[in-house]
Amino acid sequence: MKYGYNGISQFSSVRNTDASSTLDKLGFKSEGTNLNLRYQNNSILMDSLFGVRYNLSQQPVKKFGFKRDCKKNGVSLSENEYALPIAFCQQNLIKILPLRI
């Protein structure tokens, strides 16, 4: 929220291991007990599913699917070319697959 944008991270002092381990398995990696999950190690798949469209960084973003748009005051703005909207339509039936945790 540093620049007025929401981000993806989690800190849980109550040790909500179900939520933490699920986010960890989805690609939001953490070391040890998963109490503090941060964005920097996630995958393009999770960026796209969670609608992460932009990445603001002081270093160049070297992630598949992100294209740098501009740089100002030492901060680079990169756009995820594969970000999905909040909802989208599908013509065919989608097979429901259980998420193994």
N, C-alpha and C. Protein backbone atom coordinates (compact mmCIF):
# COMPACT_ATOMS: atom_id res chain seq x y z
N MET A 1 0.82 -1.19 0.00
CA MET A 1 0.00 0.00 0.00
C MET A 1 0.86 1.26 0.00
N LYS A 2 2.14 1.09 -0.18
CA LYS A 2 3.06 2.21 -0.16
C LYS A 2 2.70 3.29 -1.16
N TYR A 3 2.26 2.90 -2.34
CA TYR A 3 1.93 3.87 -3.38
C TYR A 3 0.42 3.99 -3.59
N GLY A 4 -0.37 3.54 -2.63
CA GLY A 4 -1.82 3.63 -2.75
C GLY A 4 -2.46 2.46 -3.46
N TYR A 5 -1.68 1.38 -3.68
CA TYR A 5 -2.21 0.17 -4.32
C TYR A 5 -2.24 -0.96 -3.31
N ASN A 6 -3.24 -1.83 -3.44
CA ASN A 6 -3.28 -3.01 -2.59
C ASN A 6 -2.23 -4.01 -3.05
N GLY A 7 -1.76 -4.83 -2.15
CA GLY A 7 -0.77 -5.86 -2.47
C GLY A 7 -1.20 -7.18 -1.89
N ILE A 8 -0.39 -8.19 -2.13
CA ILE A 8 -0.68 -9.52 -1.59
C ILE A 8 0.42 -9.91 -0.63
N SER A 9 0.06 -10.00 0.63
CA SER A 9 0.96 -10.51 1.66
C SER A 9 0.09 -10.83 2.86
N GLN A 10 0.65 -11.58 3.78
CA GLN A 10 -0.12 -11.96 4.96
C GLN A 10 0.81 -12.14 6.14
N PHE A 11 0.38 -11.66 7.30
CA PHE A 11 1.04 -11.97 8.55
C PHE A 11 -0.02 -12.47 9.50
N SER A 12 0.23 -13.58 10.12
CA SER A 12 -0.74 -14.16 11.06
C SER A 12 -0.04 -14.51 12.36
N SER A 13 -0.35 -13.79 13.41
CA SER A 13 0.24 -14.10 14.72
C SER A 13 -0.55 -15.19 15.44
N VAL A 14 -1.75 -15.52 14.93
CA VAL A 14 -2.55 -16.57 15.56
C VAL A 14 -2.29 -17.93 14.94
N ARG A 15 -1.33 -17.99 14.02
CA ARG A 15 -0.90 -19.23 13.40
C ARG A 15 -2.04 -19.93 12.67
N ASN A 16 -2.69 -19.18 11.78
CA ASN A 16 -3.73 -19.76 10.93
C ASN A 16 -3.03 -20.60 9.86
N THR A 17 -2.68 -21.81 10.21
CA THR A 17 -1.85 -22.64 9.34
C THR A 17 -2.57 -23.06 8.07
N ASP A 18 -3.89 -23.20 8.11
CA ASP A 18 -4.62 -23.58 6.89
C ASP A 18 -4.48 -22.50 5.81
N ALA A 19 -4.74 -21.25 6.17
CA ALA A 19 -4.63 -20.16 5.20
C ALA A 19 -3.18 -19.98 4.75
N SER A 20 -2.26 -20.01 5.68
CA SER A 20 -0.84 -19.81 5.35
C SER A 20 -0.31 -20.91 4.46
N SER A 21 -0.62 -22.15 4.78
CA SER A 21 -0.08 -23.25 3.97
C SER A 21 -0.73 -23.28 2.58
N THR A 22 -2.00 -22.88 2.48
CA THR A 22 -2.65 -22.83 1.17
C THR A 22 -1.99 -21.76 0.29
N LEU A 23 -1.78 -20.56 0.84
CA LEU A 23 -1.10 -19.51 0.07
C LEU A 23 0.33 -19.92 -0.27
N ASP A 24 0.99 -20.61 0.62
CA ASP A 24 2.34 -21.09 0.35
C ASP A 24 2.34 -22.06 -0.83
N LYS A 25 1.39 -22.98 -0.86
CA LYS A 25 1.31 -23.95 -1.96
C LYS A 25 0.87 -23.31 -3.27
N LEU A 26 0.16 -22.19 -3.20
CA LEU A 26 -0.25 -21.48 -4.41
C LEU A 26 0.89 -20.66 -5.00
N GLY A 27 2.00 -20.56 -4.28
CA GLY A 27 3.15 -19.87 -4.83
C GLY A 27 3.61 -18.66 -4.05
N PHE A 28 2.91 -18.28 -2.99
CA PHE A 28 3.33 -17.16 -2.16
C PHE A 28 4.23 -17.73 -1.06
N LYS A 29 5.49 -17.94 -1.41
CA LYS A 29 6.41 -18.70 -0.59
C LYS A 29 6.84 -17.96 0.66
N SER A 30 7.12 -18.75 1.67
CA SER A 30 7.59 -18.26 2.94
C SER A 30 8.52 -19.32 3.52
N GLU A 31 9.40 -18.91 4.36
CA GLU A 31 10.30 -19.88 4.99
C GLU A 31 9.80 -20.21 6.37
N GLY A 32 10.03 -21.45 6.79
CA GLY A 32 9.71 -21.85 8.15
C GLY A 32 8.24 -22.07 8.39
N THR A 33 7.66 -21.28 9.29
CA THR A 33 6.30 -21.52 9.78
C THR A 33 5.20 -20.86 8.95
N ASN A 34 5.55 -20.16 7.90
CA ASN A 34 4.57 -19.47 7.04
C ASN A 34 3.77 -18.41 7.78
N LEU A 35 4.34 -17.81 8.82
CA LEU A 35 3.64 -16.75 9.52
C LEU A 35 3.62 -15.46 8.71
N ASN A 36 4.65 -15.26 7.89
CA ASN A 36 4.79 -14.03 7.14
C ASN A 36 4.96 -14.37 5.67
N LEU A 37 3.90 -14.24 4.89
CA LEU A 37 3.94 -14.53 3.46
C LEU A 37 4.09 -13.23 2.68
N ARG A 38 5.01 -13.22 1.74
CA ARG A 38 5.27 -12.00 0.96
C ARG A 38 5.12 -12.26 -0.52
N TYR A 39 4.92 -11.19 -1.25
CA TYR A 39 4.64 -11.27 -2.67
C TYR A 39 5.83 -11.68 -3.53
N GLN A 40 7.04 -11.31 -3.16
CA GLN A 40 8.16 -11.32 -4.10
C GLN A 40 8.48 -12.67 -4.73
N ASN A 41 8.06 -13.77 -4.17
CA ASN A 41 8.44 -15.07 -4.72
C ASN A 41 7.30 -15.81 -5.41
N ASN A 42 6.24 -15.14 -5.77
CA ASN A 42 5.10 -15.84 -6.35
C ASN A 42 5.28 -16.07 -7.84
N SER A 43 4.31 -16.75 -8.44
CA SER A 43 4.40 -17.15 -9.84
C SER A 43 3.47 -16.30 -10.72
N ILE A 44 3.71 -16.34 -12.04
CA ILE A 44 2.87 -15.62 -12.99
C ILE A 44 1.43 -16.15 -12.95
N LEU A 45 1.26 -17.44 -12.69
CA LEU A 45 -0.08 -18.02 -12.60
C LEU A 45 -0.88 -17.36 -11.47
N MET A 46 -0.28 -17.23 -10.30
CA MET A 46 -0.99 -16.62 -9.18
C MET A 46 -1.18 -15.13 -9.39
N ASP A 47 -0.20 -14.46 -9.99
CA ASP A 47 -0.39 -13.04 -10.32
C ASP A 47 -1.62 -12.88 -11.21
N SER A 48 -1.75 -13.75 -12.20
CA SER A 48 -2.86 -13.65 -13.15
C SER A 48 -4.19 -13.97 -12.49
N LEU A 49 -4.24 -15.04 -11.70
CA LEU A 49 -5.50 -15.43 -11.05
C LEU A 49 -5.98 -14.41 -10.03
N PHE A 50 -5.05 -13.80 -9.30
CA PHE A 50 -5.42 -12.80 -8.31
C PHE A 50 -5.51 -11.40 -8.89
N GLY A 51 -5.35 -11.27 -10.21
CA GLY A 51 -5.53 -9.99 -10.87
C GLY A 51 -4.43 -8.98 -10.57
N VAL A 52 -3.21 -9.44 -10.30
CA VAL A 52 -2.10 -8.53 -10.09
C VAL A 52 -1.68 -8.00 -11.46
N ARG A 53 -2.07 -6.78 -11.73
CA ARG A 53 -1.84 -6.20 -13.05
C ARG A 53 -0.53 -5.42 -13.12
N TYR A 54 -0.14 -4.77 -12.02
CA TYR A 54 1.05 -3.93 -12.03
C TYR A 54 2.02 -4.33 -10.94
N ASN A 55 3.30 -4.06 -11.19
CA ASN A 55 4.36 -4.30 -10.22
C ASN A 55 5.20 -3.04 -10.15
N LEU A 56 5.28 -2.45 -8.97
CA LEU A 56 6.12 -1.28 -8.74
C LEU A 56 7.38 -1.74 -8.03
N SER A 57 8.53 -1.37 -8.56
CA SER A 57 9.78 -1.87 -7.98
C SER A 57 10.91 -0.89 -8.22
N GLN A 58 11.86 -0.86 -7.29
CA GLN A 58 13.04 -0.04 -7.47
C GLN A 58 14.09 -0.76 -8.31
N GLN A 59 13.96 -2.08 -8.46
CA GLN A 59 14.83 -2.86 -9.33
C GLN A 59 14.02 -3.33 -10.54
N PRO A 60 14.71 -3.63 -11.65
CA PRO A 60 13.99 -4.14 -12.82
C PRO A 60 13.27 -5.46 -12.49
N VAL A 61 12.04 -5.60 -12.93
CA VAL A 61 11.26 -6.82 -12.70
C VAL A 61 11.65 -7.82 -13.78
N LYS A 62 12.20 -8.94 -13.36
CA LYS A 62 12.63 -9.98 -14.29
C LYS A 62 11.72 -11.19 -14.12
N LYS A 63 10.45 -11.00 -14.45
CA LYS A 63 9.46 -12.06 -14.31
C LYS A 63 8.75 -12.23 -15.64
N PHE A 64 8.52 -13.48 -16.01
CA PHE A 64 7.79 -13.79 -17.23
C PHE A 64 6.43 -13.09 -17.20
N GLY A 65 6.05 -12.48 -18.31
CA GLY A 65 4.74 -11.87 -18.44
C GLY A 65 4.68 -10.41 -18.03
N PHE A 66 5.73 -9.90 -17.38
CA PHE A 66 5.75 -8.50 -16.98
C PHE A 66 6.58 -7.68 -17.95
N LYS A 67 6.00 -6.59 -18.44
CA LYS A 67 6.67 -5.70 -19.39
C LYS A 67 6.76 -4.32 -18.76
N ARG A 68 7.98 -3.75 -18.72
CA ARG A 68 8.16 -2.44 -18.11
C ARG A 68 7.48 -1.36 -18.93
N ASP A 69 6.64 -0.58 -18.28
CA ASP A 69 5.94 0.53 -18.94
C ASP A 69 6.72 1.83 -18.84
N CYS A 70 7.18 2.14 -17.62
CA CYS A 70 7.90 3.39 -17.44
C CYS A 70 8.71 3.35 -16.15
N LYS A 71 9.56 4.35 -16.00
CA LYS A 71 10.36 4.49 -14.78
C LYS A 71 10.38 5.97 -14.41
N LYS A 72 10.11 6.26 -13.13
CA LYS A 72 10.10 7.64 -12.67
C LYS A 72 10.58 7.68 -11.22
N ASN A 73 11.45 8.61 -10.93
CA ASN A 73 11.99 8.77 -9.57
C ASN A 73 12.56 7.47 -9.02
N GLY A 74 13.18 6.68 -9.88
CA GLY A 74 13.81 5.44 -9.44
C GLY A 74 12.87 4.27 -9.25
N VAL A 75 11.60 4.42 -9.61
CA VAL A 75 10.61 3.34 -9.45
C VAL A 75 10.12 2.91 -10.83
N SER A 76 10.22 1.61 -11.11
CA SER A 76 9.76 1.06 -12.38
C SER A 76 8.34 0.55 -12.25
N LEU A 77 7.52 0.82 -13.25
CA LEU A 77 6.16 0.29 -13.34
C LEU A 77 6.15 -0.76 -14.43
N SER A 78 5.85 -2.00 -14.06
CA SER A 78 5.75 -3.10 -15.02
C SER A 78 4.33 -3.62 -15.02
N GLU A 79 3.85 -4.01 -16.21
CA GLU A 79 2.48 -4.51 -16.34
C GLU A 79 2.48 -5.99 -16.65
N ASN A 80 1.60 -6.72 -15.98
CA ASN A 80 1.40 -8.15 -16.21
C ASN A 80 0.49 -8.31 -17.43
N GLU A 81 1.04 -8.82 -18.50
CA GLU A 81 0.27 -8.99 -19.74
C GLU A 81 -0.78 -10.08 -19.63
N TYR A 82 -0.72 -10.91 -18.58
CA TYR A 82 -1.63 -12.04 -18.44
C TYR A 82 -2.61 -11.87 -17.27
N ALA A 83 -2.69 -10.70 -16.68
CA ALA A 83 -3.59 -10.49 -15.55
C ALA A 83 -5.04 -10.67 -15.99
N LEU A 84 -5.79 -11.42 -15.22
CA LEU A 84 -7.20 -11.67 -15.52
C LEU A 84 -8.07 -10.62 -14.84
N PRO A 85 -9.24 -10.33 -15.41
CA PRO A 85 -10.17 -9.41 -14.74
C PRO A 85 -10.79 -10.08 -13.52
N ILE A 86 -11.56 -9.32 -12.76
CA ILE A 86 -12.16 -9.85 -11.54
C ILE A 86 -13.15 -10.98 -11.84
N ALA A 87 -13.72 -10.98 -13.03
CA ALA A 87 -14.61 -12.06 -13.46
C ALA A 87 -14.48 -12.22 -14.97
N PHE A 88 -14.71 -13.42 -15.44
CA PHE A 88 -14.66 -13.67 -16.87
C PHE A 88 -15.60 -14.82 -17.20
N CYS A 89 -16.05 -14.87 -18.44
CA CYS A 89 -17.02 -15.88 -18.88
C CYS A 89 -16.32 -17.05 -19.54
N GLN A 90 -16.95 -18.20 -19.44
CA GLN A 90 -16.45 -19.42 -20.05
C GLN A 90 -17.61 -20.09 -20.75
N GLN A 91 -17.44 -20.47 -22.02
CA GLN A 91 -18.54 -21.07 -22.77
C GLN A 91 -18.76 -22.54 -22.40
N ASN A 92 -17.71 -23.25 -22.16
CA ASN A 92 -17.83 -24.68 -21.84
C ASN A 92 -17.86 -24.89 -20.34
N LEU A 93 -18.33 -26.05 -19.94
CA LEU A 93 -18.32 -26.39 -18.52
C LEU A 93 -16.89 -26.51 -18.03
N ILE A 94 -16.66 -26.04 -16.85
CA ILE A 94 -15.34 -26.14 -16.23
C ILE A 94 -15.36 -27.32 -15.27
N LYS A 95 -14.41 -28.19 -15.42
CA LYS A 95 -14.33 -29.34 -14.53
C LYS A 95 -13.84 -28.89 -13.17
N ILE A 96 -14.58 -29.24 -12.14
CA ILE A 96 -14.21 -28.87 -10.77
C ILE A 96 -13.18 -29.87 -10.27
N LEU A 97 -12.03 -29.34 -9.91
CA LEU A 97 -10.96 -30.19 -9.38
C LEU A 97 -10.74 -29.82 -7.91
N PRO A 98 -10.63 -30.82 -7.05
CA PRO A 98 -10.39 -30.52 -5.64
C PRO A 98 -8.97 -29.96 -5.44
N LEU A 99 -8.84 -29.01 -4.55
CA LEU A 99 -7.54 -28.44 -4.19
C LEU A 99 -6.98 -29.25 -3.04
N ARG A 100 -5.91 -29.93 -3.28
CA ARG A 100 -5.29 -30.73 -2.23
C ARG A 100 -4.36 -29.87 -1.40
N ILE A 101 -4.60 -29.86 -0.12
CA ILE A 101 -3.79 -29.03 0.79
C ILE A 101 -2.93 -29.91 1.65
